[in-house]
PDB file of N, CA and C in Angstrom:
ATOM      1  N   MET A   1      68.446 -53.115 154.492  1.00  0.00           N
ATOM      2  CA  MET A   1      67.258 -52.392 154.522  1.00  0.00           C
ATOM      3  C   MET A   1      66.371 -52.680 153.292  1.00  0.00           C
ATOM      4  N   ALA A   2      66.837 -53.083 152.257  1.00  0.00           N
ATOM      5  CA  ALA A   2      66.025 -53.440 151.055  1.00  0.00           C
ATOM      6  C   ALA A   2      65.144 -54.557 151.377  1.00  0.00           C
ATOM      7  N   LYS A   3      65.671 -55.675 152.247  1.00  0.00           N
ATOM      8  CA  LYS A   3      64.847 -56.708 152.522  1.00  0.00           C
ATOM      9  C   LYS A   3      63.702 -56.306 153.365  1.00  0.00           C
ATOM     10  N   GLN A   4      63.974 -55.321 154.398  1.00  0.00           N
ATOM     11  CA  GLN A   4      62.842 -54.841 155.197  1.00  0.00           C
ATOM     12  C   GLN A   4      61.748 -54.333 154.392  1.00  0.00           C
ATOM     13  N   GLU A   5      62.139 -53.420 153.422  1.00  0.00           N
ATOM     14  CA  GLU A   5      61.205 -52.778 152.498  1.00  0.00           C
ATOM     15  C   GLU A   5      60.386 -53.776 151.865  1.00  0.00           C
ATOM     16  N   LYS A   6      61.060 -54.881 151.290  1.00  0.00           N
ATOM     17  CA  LYS A   6      60.418 -55.854 150.711  1.00  0.00           C
ATOM     18  C   LYS A   6      59.322 -56.607 151.521  1.00  0.00           C
ATOM     19  N   HIS A   7      59.659 -56.846 152.795  1.00  0.00           N
ATOM     20  CA  HIS A   7      58.744 -57.580 153.743  1.00  0.00           C
ATOM     21  C   HIS A   7      57.561 -56.683 154.116  1.00  0.00           C
ATOM     22  N   LYS A   8      57.898 -55.293 154.320  1.00  0.00           N
ATOM     23  CA  LYS A   8      56.794 -54.329 154.485  1.00  0.00           C
ATOM     24  C   LYS A   8      55.788 -54.405 153.531  1.00  0.00           C
ATOM     25  N   LYS A   9      56.200 -54.395 152.304  1.00  0.00           N
ATOM     26  CA  LYS A   9      55.345 -54.336 151.165  1.00  0.00           C
ATOM     27  C   LYS A   9      54.570 -55.712 151.017  1.00  0.00           C
ATOM     28  N   ILE A  10      55.150 -56.734 151.259  1.00  0.00           N
ATOM     29  CA  ILE A  10      54.562 -58.125 151.298  1.00  0.00           C
ATOM     30  C   ILE A  10      53.365 -58.150 152.402  1.00  0.00           C
ATOM     31  N   PHE A  11      53.813 -57.683 153.554  1.00  0.00           N
ATOM     32  CA  PHE A  11      52.824 -57.855 154.578  1.00  0.00           C
ATOM     33  C   PHE A  11      51.567 -57.055 154.549  1.00  0.00           C
ATOM     34  N   GLY A  12      51.701 -55.977 153.539  1.00  0.00           N
ATOM     35  CA  GLY A  12      50.559 -55.190 153.234  1.00  0.00           C
ATOM     36  C   GLY A  12      49.596 -55.983 152.301  1.00  0.00           C
ATOM     37  N   LEU A  13      50.093 -56.983 151.815  1.00  0.00           N
ATOM     38  CA  LEU A  13      49.196 -57.687 150.741  1.00  0.00           C
ATOM     39  C   LEU A  13      48.016 -58.382 151.543  1.00  0.00           C
ATOM     40  N   ASN A  14      46.971 -58.787 150.778  1.00  0.00           N
ATOM     41  CA  ASN A  14      45.969 -59.534 151.330  1.00  0.00           C
ATOM     42  C   ASN A  14      46.453 -60.960 151.708  1.00  0.00           C
ATOM     43  N   LYS A  15      45.757 -61.778 152.424  1.00  0.00           N
ATOM     44  CA  LYS A  15      46.270 -62.967 152.876  1.00  0.00           C
ATOM     45  C   LYS A  15      46.664 -63.842 151.688  1.00  0.00           C
ATOM     46  N   LEU A  16      47.933 -64.369 151.802  1.00  0.00           N
ATOM     47  CA  LEU A  16      48.498 -65.350 150.726  1.00  0.00           C
ATOM     48  C   LEU A  16      47.873 -66.603 150.891  1.00  0.00           C
ATOM     49  N   PRO A  17      47.287 -67.186 149.761  1.00  0.00           N
ATOM     50  CA  PRO A  17      46.884 -68.523 149.903  1.00  0.00           C
ATOM     51  C   PRO A  17      48.158 -69.449 149.846  1.00  0.00           C
ATOM     52  N   ALA A  18      48.132 -70.557 150.276  1.00  0.00           N
ATOM     53  CA  ALA A  18      49.230 -71.647 150.511  1.00  0.00           C
ATOM     54  C   ALA A  18      49.816 -71.851 149.087  1.00  0.00           C
ATOM     55  N   LYS A  19      48.988 -72.098 148.035  1.00  0.00           N
ATOM     56  CA  LYS A  19      49.611 -72.516 146.765  1.00  0.00           C
ATOM     57  C   LYS A  19      49.154 -71.570 145.647  1.00  0.00           C
ATOM     58  N   GLY A  20      49.983 -71.418 144.739  1.00  0.00           N
ATOM     59  CA  GLY A  20      49.544 -70.709 143.414  1.00  0.00           C
ATOM     60  C   GLY A  20      49.341 -69.191 143.612  1.00  0.00           C
ATOM     61  N   TYR A  21      49.850 -68.514 144.570  1.00  0.00           N
ATOM     62  CA  TYR A  21      49.557 -67.122 144.551  1.00  0.00           C
ATOM     63  C   TYR A  21      50.120 -66.297 143.471  1.00  0.00           C
ATOM     64  N   ILE A  22      51.340 -66.627 143.058  1.00  0.00           N
ATOM     65  CA  ILE A  22      51.898 -65.896 141.987  1.00  0.00           C
ATOM     66  C   ILE A  22      51.355 -66.133 140.644  1.00  0.00           C
ATOM     67  N   LYS A  23      50.909 -67.256 140.383  1.00  0.00           N
ATOM     68  CA  LYS A  23      50.209 -67.741 139.274  1.00  0.00           C
ATOM     69  C   LYS A  23      48.779 -67.058 139.180  1.00  0.00           C
ATOM     70  N   ALA A  24      48.143 -67.124 140.279  1.00  0.00           N
ATOM     71  CA  ALA A  24      46.806 -66.299 140.324  1.00  0.00           C
ATOM     72  C   ALA A  24      47.027 -64.819 140.074  1.00  0.00           C
ATOM     73  N   LEU A  25      47.967 -64.256 140.696  1.00  0.00           N
ATOM     74  CA  LEU A  25      48.221 -62.848 140.680  1.00  0.00           C
ATOM     75  C   LEU A  25      48.618 -62.442 139.127  1.00  0.00           C
ATOM     76  N   GLU A  26      49.232 -63.268 138.525  1.00  0.00           N
ATOM     77  CA  GLU A  26      49.681 -62.983 137.053  1.00  0.00           C
ATOM     78  C   GLU A  26      48.426 -63.051 136.312  1.00  0.00           C
ATOM     79  N   GLU A  27      47.526 -64.008 136.558  1.00  0.00           N
ATOM     80  CA  GLU A  27      46.276 -64.149 135.726  1.00  0.00           C
ATOM     81  C   GLU A  27      45.426 -62.979 135.979  1.00  0.00           C
ATOM     82  N   GLN A  28      45.405 -62.485 137.297  1.00  0.00           N
ATOM     83  CA  GLN A  28      44.522 -61.397 137.652  1.00  0.00           C
ATOM     84  C   GLN A  28      44.993 -60.017 136.882  1.00  0.00           C
ATOM     85  N   VAL A  29      46.248 -59.978 136.778  1.00  0.00           N
ATOM     86  CA  VAL A  29      46.872 -58.826 136.148  1.00  0.00           C
ATOM     87  C   VAL A  29      46.537 -58.826 134.588  1.00  0.00           C
ATOM     88  N   LYS A  30      46.625 -60.059 134.014  1.00  0.00           N
ATOM     89  CA  LYS A  30      46.343 -60.224 132.572  1.00  0.00           C
ATOM     90  C   LYS A  30      44.881 -59.960 132.485  1.00  0.00           C
ATOM     91  N   GLU A  31      43.957 -60.409 133.242  1.00  0.00           N
ATOM     92  CA  GLU A  31      42.526 -60.226 133.120  1.00  0.00           C
ATOM     93  C   GLU A  31      42.285 -58.765 133.205  1.00  0.00           C
ATOM     94  N   LEU A  32      42.737 -57.994 134.225  1.00  0.00           N
ATOM     95  CA  LEU A  32      42.511 -56.507 134.391  1.00  0.00           C
ATOM     96  C   LEU A  32      43.007 -55.750 133.271  1.00  0.00           C
ATOM     97  N   LYS A  33      44.058 -56.088 132.681  1.00  0.00           N
ATOM     98  CA  LYS A  33      44.645 -55.340 131.537  1.00  0.00           C
ATOM     99  C   LYS A  33      43.648 -55.467 130.440  1.00  0.00           C
ATOM    100  N   VAL A  34      42.988 -56.512 130.223  1.00  0.00           N
ATOM    101  CA  VAL A  34      42.067 -56.725 129.110  1.00  0.00           C
ATOM    102  C   VAL A  34      40.718 -56.013 129.563  1.00  0.00           C
ATOM    103  N   GLU A  35      40.353 -56.329 130.716  1.00  0.00           N
ATOM    104  CA  GLU A  35      39.014 -55.913 131.247  1.00  0.00           C
ATOM    105  C   GLU A  35      38.913 -54.434 131.469  1.00  0.00           C
ATOM    106  N   ARG A  36      39.747 -53.880 132.159  1.00  0.00           N
ATOM    107  CA  ARG A  36      39.724 -52.404 132.441  1.00  0.00           C
ATOM    108  C   ARG A  36      40.991 -51.717 132.285  1.00  0.00           C
ATOM    109  N   GLY A  37      41.263 -51.183 131.178  1.00  0.00           N
ATOM    110  CA  GLY A  37      42.526 -50.496 130.882  1.00  0.00           C
ATOM    111  C   GLY A  37      42.482 -49.236 131.556  1.00  0.00           C
ATOM    112  N   LYS A  38      41.314 -48.661 131.977  1.00  0.00           N
ATOM    113  CA  LYS A  38      41.352 -47.394 132.599  1.00  0.00           C
ATOM    114  C   LYS A  38      41.830 -47.381 134.104  1.00  0.00           C
ATOM    115  N   ASP A  39      41.613 -48.529 134.738  1.00  0.00           N
ATOM    116  CA  ASP A  39      42.201 -48.632 136.166  1.00  0.00           C
ATOM    117  C   ASP A  39      43.602 -48.935 136.162  1.00  0.00           C
ATOM    118  N   GLN A  40      44.438 -48.074 135.606  1.00  0.00           N
ATOM    119  CA  GLN A  40      45.910 -48.325 135.471  1.00  0.00           C
ATOM    120  C   GLN A  40      46.589 -48.464 136.910  1.00  0.00           C
ATOM    121  N   SER A  41      46.253 -47.622 137.833  1.00  0.00           N
ATOM    122  CA  SER A  41      46.874 -47.584 139.142  1.00  0.00           C
ATOM    123  C   SER A  41      46.823 -48.922 139.864  1.00  0.00           C
ATOM    124  N   TYR A  42      45.577 -49.567 139.699  1.00  0.00           N
ATOM    125  CA  TYR A  42      45.344 -50.820 140.466  1.00  0.00           C
ATOM    126  C   TYR A  42      46.200 -51.938 139.685  1.00  0.00           C
ATOM    127  N   ILE A  43      46.270 -51.964 138.367  1.00  0.00           N
ATOM    128  CA  ILE A  43      47.125 -52.798 137.638  1.00  0.00           C
ATOM    129  C   ILE A  43      48.581 -52.685 138.010  1.00  0.00           C
ATOM    130  N   GLU A  44      49.012 -51.455 138.155  1.00  0.00           N
ATOM    131  CA  GLU A  44      50.368 -51.154 138.444  1.00  0.00           C
ATOM    132  C   GLU A  44      50.696 -51.672 139.913  1.00  0.00           C
ATOM    133  N   GLU A  45      49.711 -51.572 140.779  1.00  0.00           N
ATOM    134  CA  GLU A  45      49.853 -51.947 142.211  1.00  0.00           C
ATOM    135  C   GLU A  45      50.077 -53.536 142.177  1.00  0.00           C
ATOM    136  N   LEU A  46      49.192 -54.203 141.433  1.00  0.00           N
ATOM    137  CA  LEU A  46      49.316 -55.700 141.302  1.00  0.00           C
ATOM    138  C   LEU A  46      50.584 -56.164 140.782  1.00  0.00           C
ATOM    139  N   GLU A  47      51.027 -55.418 139.678  1.00  0.00           N
ATOM    140  CA  GLU A  47      52.317 -55.681 139.007  1.00  0.00           C
ATOM    141  C   GLU A  47      53.485 -55.480 140.079  1.00  0.00           C
ATOM    142  N   ASP A  48      53.382 -54.506 140.922  1.00  0.00           N
ATOM    143  CA  ASP A  48      54.359 -54.185 141.893  1.00  0.00           C
ATOM    144  C   ASP A  48      54.362 -55.312 142.792  1.00  0.00           C
ATOM    145  N   ARG A  49      53.229 -55.794 143.409  1.00  0.00           N
ATOM    146  CA  ARG A  49      53.206 -56.960 144.258  1.00  0.00           C
ATOM    147  C   ARG A  49      53.858 -58.122 143.647  1.00  0.00           C
ATOM    148  N   LEU A  50      53.456 -58.377 142.458  1.00  0.00           N
ATOM    149  CA  LEU A  50      54.051 -59.552 141.820  1.00  0.00           C
ATOM    150  C   LEU A  50      55.521 -59.502 141.671  1.00  0.00           C
ATOM    151  N   ARG A  51      56.071 -58.339 141.356  1.00  0.00           N
ATOM    152  CA  ARG A  51      57.522 -58.190 141.244  1.00  0.00           C
ATOM    153  C   ARG A  51      58.285 -58.460 142.504  1.00  0.00           C
ATOM    154  N   VAL A  52      57.654 -57.895 143.616  1.00  0.00           N
ATOM    155  CA  VAL A  52      58.160 -58.016 145.009  1.00  0.00           C
ATOM    156  C   VAL A  52      58.083 -59.570 145.344  1.00  0.00           C
ATOM    157  N   ILE A  53      57.055 -60.094 145.020  1.00  0.00           N
ATOM    158  CA  ILE A  53      56.858 -61.565 145.508  1.00  0.00           C
ATOM    159  C   ILE A  53      57.805 -62.489 144.770  1.00  0.00           C
ATOM    160  N   LYS A  54      58.083 -62.089 143.367  1.00  0.00           N
ATOM    161  CA  LYS A  54      59.039 -63.003 142.772  1.00  0.00           C
ATOM    162  C   LYS A  54      60.412 -62.867 143.165  1.00  0.00           C
ATOM    163  N   GLU A  55      60.753 -61.742 143.869  1.00  0.00           N
ATOM    164  CA  GLU A  55      62.187 -61.524 144.305  1.00  0.00           C
ATOM    165  C   GLU A  55      62.357 -62.208 145.657  1.00  0.00           C
ATOM    166  N   LEU A  56      61.310 -62.670 146.277  1.00  0.00           N
ATOM    167  CA  LEU A  56      61.490 -63.357 147.520  1.00  0.00           C
ATOM    168  C   LEU A  56      61.977 -64.757 147.287  1.00  0.00           C
ATOM    169  N   THR A  57      62.879 -65.275 148.297  1.00  0.00           N
ATOM    170  CA  THR A  57      63.289 -66.548 148.208  1.00  0.00           C
ATOM    171  C   THR A  57      62.139 -67.416 148.713  1.00  0.00           C
ATOM    172  N   PRO A  58      62.204 -68.748 148.263  1.00  0.00           N
ATOM    173  CA  PRO A  58      61.223 -69.737 148.687  1.00  0.00           C
ATOM    174  C   PRO A  58      61.044 -69.674 150.418  1.00  0.00           C
ATOM    175  N   GLU A  59      62.164 -69.583 151.040  1.00  0.00           N
ATOM    176  CA  GLU A  59      62.098 -69.490 152.484  1.00  0.00           C
ATOM    177  C   GLU A  59      61.292 -68.371 153.004  1.00  0.00           C
ATOM    178  N   GLU A  60      61.657 -67.266 152.438  1.00  0.00           N
ATOM    179  CA  GLU A  60      60.838 -66.042 152.790  1.00  0.00           C
ATOM    180  C   GLU A  60      59.482 -66.094 152.485  1.00  0.00           C
ATOM    181  N   LEU A  61      59.127 -66.525 151.431  1.00  0.00           N
ATOM    182  CA  LEU A  61      57.751 -66.620 150.915  1.00  0.00           C
ATOM    183  C   LEU A  61      56.853 -67.660 151.840  1.00  0.00           C
ATOM    184  N   GLU A  62      57.575 -68.774 152.233  1.00  0.00           N
ATOM    185  CA  GLU A  62      57.011 -69.842 153.187  1.00  0.00           C
ATOM    186  C   GLU A  62      56.773 -69.218 154.553  1.00  0.00           C
ATOM    187  N   CYS A  63      57.854 -68.396 154.987  1.00  0.00           N
ATOM    188  CA  CYS A  63      57.726 -67.753 156.288  1.00  0.00           C
ATOM    189  C   CYS A  63      56.561 -66.780 156.339  1.00  0.00           C
ATOM    190  N   ILE A  64      56.293 -66.102 155.209  1.00  0.00           N
ATOM    191  CA  ILE A  64      55.240 -65.057 155.254  1.00  0.00           C
ATOM    192  C   ILE A  64      53.939 -65.901 155.206  1.00  0.00           C
ATOM    193  N   LYS A  65      53.806 -66.875 154.386  1.00  0.00           N
ATOM    194  CA  LYS A  65      52.640 -67.882 154.259  1.00  0.00           C
ATOM    195  C   LYS A  65      52.369 -68.261 155.758  1.00  0.00           C
ATOM    196  N   LYS A  66      53.205 -68.802 156.442  1.00  0.00           N
ATOM    197  CA  LYS A  66      53.134 -69.381 157.846  1.00  0.00           C
ATOM    198  C   LYS A  66      52.585 -68.249 158.694  1.00  0.00           C
ATOM    199  N   ASN A  67      53.176 -66.969 158.580  1.00  0.00           N
ATOM    200  CA  ASN A  67      52.687 -65.860 159.490  1.00  0.00           C
ATOM    201  C   ASN A  67      51.193 -65.446 159.051  1.00  0.00           C
ATOM    202  N   ASN A  68      50.781 -65.493 157.767  1.00  0.00           N
ATOM    203  CA  ASN A  68      49.543 -65.129 157.431  1.00  0.00           C
ATOM    204  C   ASN A  68      48.460 -66.375 157.854  1.00  0.00           C
ATOM    205  N   GLU A  69      48.912 -67.616 158.041  1.00  0.00           N
ATOM    206  CA  GLU A  69      48.125 -68.580 158.534  1.00  0.00           C
ATOM    207  C   GLU A  69      47.934 -68.469 160.080  1.00  0.00           C
ATOM    208  N   VAL A  70      48.955 -67.992 160.753  1.00  0.00           N
ATOM    209  CA  VAL A  70      48.746 -67.692 162.256  1.00  0.00           C
ATOM    210  C   VAL A  70      47.828 -66.485 162.297  1.00  0.00           C
ATOM    211  N   ILE A  71      47.908 -65.596 161.539  1.00  0.00           N
ATOM    212  CA  ILE A  71      47.095 -64.397 161.710  1.00  0.00           C
ATOM    213  C   ILE A  71      45.581 -64.814 161.404  1.00  0.00           C
ATOM    214  N   ARG A  72      45.409 -65.694 160.357  1.00  0.00           N
ATOM    215  CA  ARG A  72      44.144 -66.132 160.024  1.00  0.00           C
ATOM    216  C   ARG A  72      43.550 -67.040 161.166  1.00  0.00           C
ATOM    217  N   LEU A  73      44.352 -67.949 161.702  1.00  0.00           N
ATOM    218  CA  LEU A  73      43.875 -68.821 162.787  1.00  0.00           C
ATOM    219  C   LEU A  73      43.488 -67.808 164.086  1.00  0.00           C
ATOM    220  N   ARG A  74      44.376 -66.794 164.353  1.00  0.00           N
ATOM    221  CA  ARG A  74      44.008 -65.964 165.359  1.00  0.00           C
ATOM    222  C   ARG A  74      42.743 -65.194 165.255  1.00  0.00           C
ATOM    223  N   SER A  75      42.429 -64.815 163.964  1.00  0.00           N
ATOM    224  CA  SER A  75      41.262 -64.264 163.676  1.00  0.00           C
ATOM    225  C   SER A  75      39.974 -65.192 163.912  1.00  0.00           C
ATOM    226  N   ILE A  76      40.187 -66.336 163.543  1.00  0.00           N
ATOM    227  CA  ILE A  76      39.170 -67.441 163.668  1.00  0.00           C
ATOM    228  C   ILE A  76      38.926 -67.625 165.196  1.00  0.00           C
ATOM    229  N   LYS A  77      40.111 -67.798 166.048  1.00  0.00           N
ATOM    230  CA  LYS A  77      39.968 -68.018 167.402  1.00  0.00           C
ATOM    231  C   LYS A  77      39.183 -66.835 168.103  1.00  0.00           C
ATOM    232  N   ASN A  78      39.548 -65.531 167.712  1.00  0.00           N
ATOM    233  CA  ASN A  78      38.900 -64.369 168.343  1.00  0.00           C
ATOM    234  C   ASN A  78      37.425 -64.292 168.054  1.00  0.00           C
ATOM    235  N   LYS A  79      37.062 -64.694 166.772  1.00  0.00           N
ATOM    236  CA  LYS A  79      35.687 -64.872 166.423  1.00  0.00           C
ATOM    237  C   LYS A  79      34.934 -65.844 167.303  1.00  0.00           C
ATOM    238  N   LEU A  80      35.562 -67.051 167.343  1.00  0.00           N
ATOM    239  CA  LEU A  80      34.887 -68.100 168.164  1.00  0.00           C
ATOM    240  C   LEU A  80      34.727 -67.715 169.526  1.00  0.00           C
ATOM    241  N   GLU A  81      35.781 -67.043 170.210  1.00  0.00           N
ATOM    242  CA  GLU A  81      35.633 -66.592 171.611  1.00  0.00           C
ATOM    243  C   GLU A  81      34.559 -65.533 171.770  1.00  0.00           C
ATOM    244  N   LYS A  82      34.338 -64.768 170.745  1.00  0.00           N
ATOM    245  CA  LYS A  82      33.365 -63.734 170.701  1.00  0.00           C
ATOM    246  C   LYS A  82      31.957 -64.404 170.713  1.00  0.00           C
ATOM    247  N   ASP A  83      31.833 -65.365 169.894  1.00  0.00           N
ATOM    248  CA  ASP A  83      30.527 -66.185 169.706  1.00  0.00           C
ATOM    249  C   ASP A  83      30.356 -66.938 170.967  1.00  0.00           C
ATOM    250  N   LEU A  84      31.342 -67.459 171.566  1.00  0.00           N
ATOM    251  CA  LEU A  84      31.109 -68.208 172.829  1.00  0.00           C
ATOM    252  C   LEU A  84      30.603 -67.174 173.903  1.00  0.00           C
ATOM    253  N   LYS A  85      31.285 -66.046 174.007  1.00  0.00           N
ATOM    254  CA  LYS A  85      30.781 -65.007 175.017  1.00  0.00           C
ATOM    255  C   LYS A  85      29.382 -64.698 174.871  1.00  0.00           C
ATOM    256  N   LYS A  86      28.992 -64.369 173.533  1.00  0.00           N
ATOM    257  CA  LYS A  86      27.710 -64.139 173.231  1.00  0.00           C
ATOM    258  C   LYS A  86      26.645 -65.142 173.617  1.00  0.00           C
ATOM    259  N   SER A  87      27.028 -66.365 173.217  1.00  0.00           N
ATOM    260  CA  SER A  87      26.215 -67.630 173.610  1.00  0.00           C
ATOM    261  C   SER A  87      26.020 -67.712 175.093  1.00  0.00           C
ATOM    262  N   ARG A  88      27.117 -67.569 175.883  1.00  0.00           N
ATOM    263  CA  ARG A  88      27.105 -67.561 177.408  1.00  0.00           C
ATOM    264  C   ARG A  88      26.129 -66.466 177.872  1.00  0.00           C
ATOM    265  N   ASP A  89      26.323 -65.327 177.367  1.00  0.00           N
ATOM    266  CA  ASP A  89      25.294 -64.078 177.693  1.00  0.00           C
ATOM    267  C   ASP A  89      23.956 -64.315 177.413  1.00  0.00           C
ATOM    268  N   GLU A  90      23.678 -64.966 176.236  1.00  0.00           N
ATOM    269  CA  GLU A  90      22.342 -65.419 175.879  1.00  0.00           C
ATOM    270  C   GLU A  90      21.785 -66.423 176.805  1.00  0.00           C
ATOM    271  N   TYR A  91      22.609 -67.489 177.096  1.00  0.00           N
ATOM    272  CA  TYR A  91      22.229 -68.507 178.011  1.00  0.00           C
ATOM    273  C   TYR A  91      21.853 -67.975 179.486  1.00  0.00           C
ATOM    274  N   LYS A  92      22.714 -67.085 179.963  1.00  0.00           N
ATOM    275  CA  LYS A  92      22.426 -66.372 181.197  1.00  0.00           C
ATOM    276  C   LYS A  92      21.146 -65.613 181.269  1.00  0.00           C
ATOM    277  N   GLU A  93      21.002 -64.932 180.179  1.00  0.00           N
ATOM    278  CA  GLU A  93      19.759 -64.176 180.047  1.00  0.00           C
ATOM    279  C   GLU A  93      18.506 -65.175 180.014  1.00  0.00           C
ATOM    280  N   LEU A  94      18.466 -66.254 179.218  1.00  0.00           N
ATOM    281  CA  LEU A  94      17.369 -67.302 179.221  1.00  0.00           C
ATOM    282  C   LEU A  94      17.267 -67.856 180.652  1.00  0.00           C
ATOM    283  N   LEU A  95      18.352 -68.167 181.321  1.00  0.00           N
ATOM    284  CA  LEU A  95      18.211 -68.776 182.530  1.00  0.00           C
ATOM    285  C   LEU A  95      17.588 -67.816 183.540  1.00  0.00           C
ATOM    286  N   THR A  96      17.926 -66.552 183.575  1.00  0.00           N
ATOM    287  CA  THR A  96      17.355 -65.586 184.387  1.00  0.00           C
ATOM    288  C   THR A  96      15.867 -65.381 184.166  1.00  0.00           C
ATOM    289  N   LYS A  97      15.458 -65.457 182.876  1.00  0.00           N
ATOM    290  CA  LYS A  97      14.052 -65.251 182.692  1.00  0.00           C
ATOM    291  C   LYS A  97      13.194 -66.617 183.075  1.00  0.00           C
ATOM    292  N   HIS A  98      14.019 -67.755 182.940  1.00  0.00           N
ATOM    293  CA  HIS A  98      13.343 -68.949 183.429  1.00  0.00           C
ATOM    294  C   HIS A  98      13.088 -69.008 184.975  1.00  0.00           C
ATOM    295  N   ILE A  99      14.128 -68.511 185.655  1.00  0.00           N
ATOM    296  CA  ILE A  99      14.056 -68.459 187.083  1.00  0.00           C
ATOM    297  C   ILE A  99      12.954 -67.468 187.480  1.00  0.00           C
ATOM    298  N   GLN A 100      12.894 -66.323 186.818  1.00  0.00           N
ATOM    299  CA  GLN A 100      11.775 -65.280 187.134  1.00  0.00           C
ATOM    300  C   GLN A 100      10.546 -65.855 186.884  1.00  0.00           C
ATOM    301  N   LEU A 101      10.303 -66.499 185.779  1.00  0.00           N
ATOM    302  CA  LEU A 101       9.014 -67.254 185.371  1.00  0.00           C
ATOM    303  C   LEU A 101       8.618 -68.293 186.488  1.00  0.00           C
ATOM    304  N   LYS A 102       9.680 -69.057 186.866  1.00  0.00           N
ATOM    305  CA  LYS A 102       9.399 -70.102 187.816  1.00  0.00           C
ATOM    306  C   LYS A 102       8.981 -69.541 189.209  1.00  0.00           C
ATOM    307  N   LEU A 103       9.750 -68.428 189.613  1.00  0.00           N
ATOM    308  CA  LEU A 103       9.328 -67.790 190.931  1.00  0.00           C
ATOM    309  C   LEU A 103       7.953 -67.210 190.828  1.00  0.00           C
ATOM    310  N   LYS A 104       7.561 -66.613 189.655  1.00  0.00           N
ATOM    311  CA  LYS A 104       6.350 -65.979 189.527  1.00  0.00           C
ATOM    312  C   LYS A 104       5.272 -67.137 189.583  1.00  0.00           C
ATOM    313  N   TYR A 105       5.537 -68.254 188.938  1.00  0.00           N
ATOM    314  CA  TYR A 105       4.574 -69.458 188.827  1.00  0.00           C
ATOM    315  C   TYR A 105       4.350 -69.805 190.272  1.00  0.00           C
ATOM    316  N   ASP A 106       5.463 -70.124 191.090  1.00  0.00           N
ATOM    317  CA  ASP A 106       5.426 -70.619 192.358  1.00  0.00           C
ATOM    318  C   ASP A 106       4.667 -69.784 193.190  1.00  0.00           C
ATOM    319  N   GLU A 107       4.770 -68.396 193.109  1.00  0.00           N
ATOM    320  CA  GLU A 107       4.097 -67.415 193.815  1.00  0.00           C
ATOM    321  C   GLU A 107       2.632 -67.468 193.571  1.00  0.00           C
ATOM    322  N   GLU A 108       2.229 -67.636 192.336  1.00  0.00           N
ATOM    323  CA  GLU A 108       0.835 -67.660 191.960  1.00  0.00           C
ATOM    324  C   GLU A 108       0.160 -68.910 192.431  1.00  0.00           C
ATOM    325  N   THR A 109       0.845 -70.021 192.349  1.00  0.00           N
ATOM    326  CA  THR A 109       0.290 -71.232 192.746  1.00  0.00           C
ATOM    327  C   THR A 109       0.188 -71.377 194.351  1.00  0.00           C
ATOM    328  N   SER A 110       0.990 -70.824 194.984  1.00  0.00           N
ATOM    329  CA  SER A 110       0.907 -70.844 196.447  1.00  0.00           C
ATOM    330  C   SER A 110      -0.188 -70.054 196.979  1.00  0.00           C
ATOM    331  N   LYS A 111      -0.841 -69.144 196.342  1.00  0.00           N
ATOM    332  CA  LYS A 111      -1.907 -68.247 196.869  1.00  0.00           C
ATOM    333  C   LYS A 111      -3.097 -69.029 196.995  1.00  0.00           C
TER     334      LYS A 111
END
């Protein structure tokens, strides 16, 4: 059960970069302690994340990184599909306008 809790906590994190996450998080905690001593809850949250991550085995951490990469790629794919659909809709709209103008032009020139 403890392992599941550990994973739940990790999956709540922002996307993990492939390298140097622990080091970056440690630096962030140090900077925040100096910068803003008043925001203690945020610092505690970061320290908690750091502690949980340090408890993970390299295999678990690698698995989480791969999962986050899949999530990131899925997000990019969805955005590209959305952009493609928007482009297709815009193209259809332009084509429809072009056809309407052509018909109007043909109608006027035939008079």
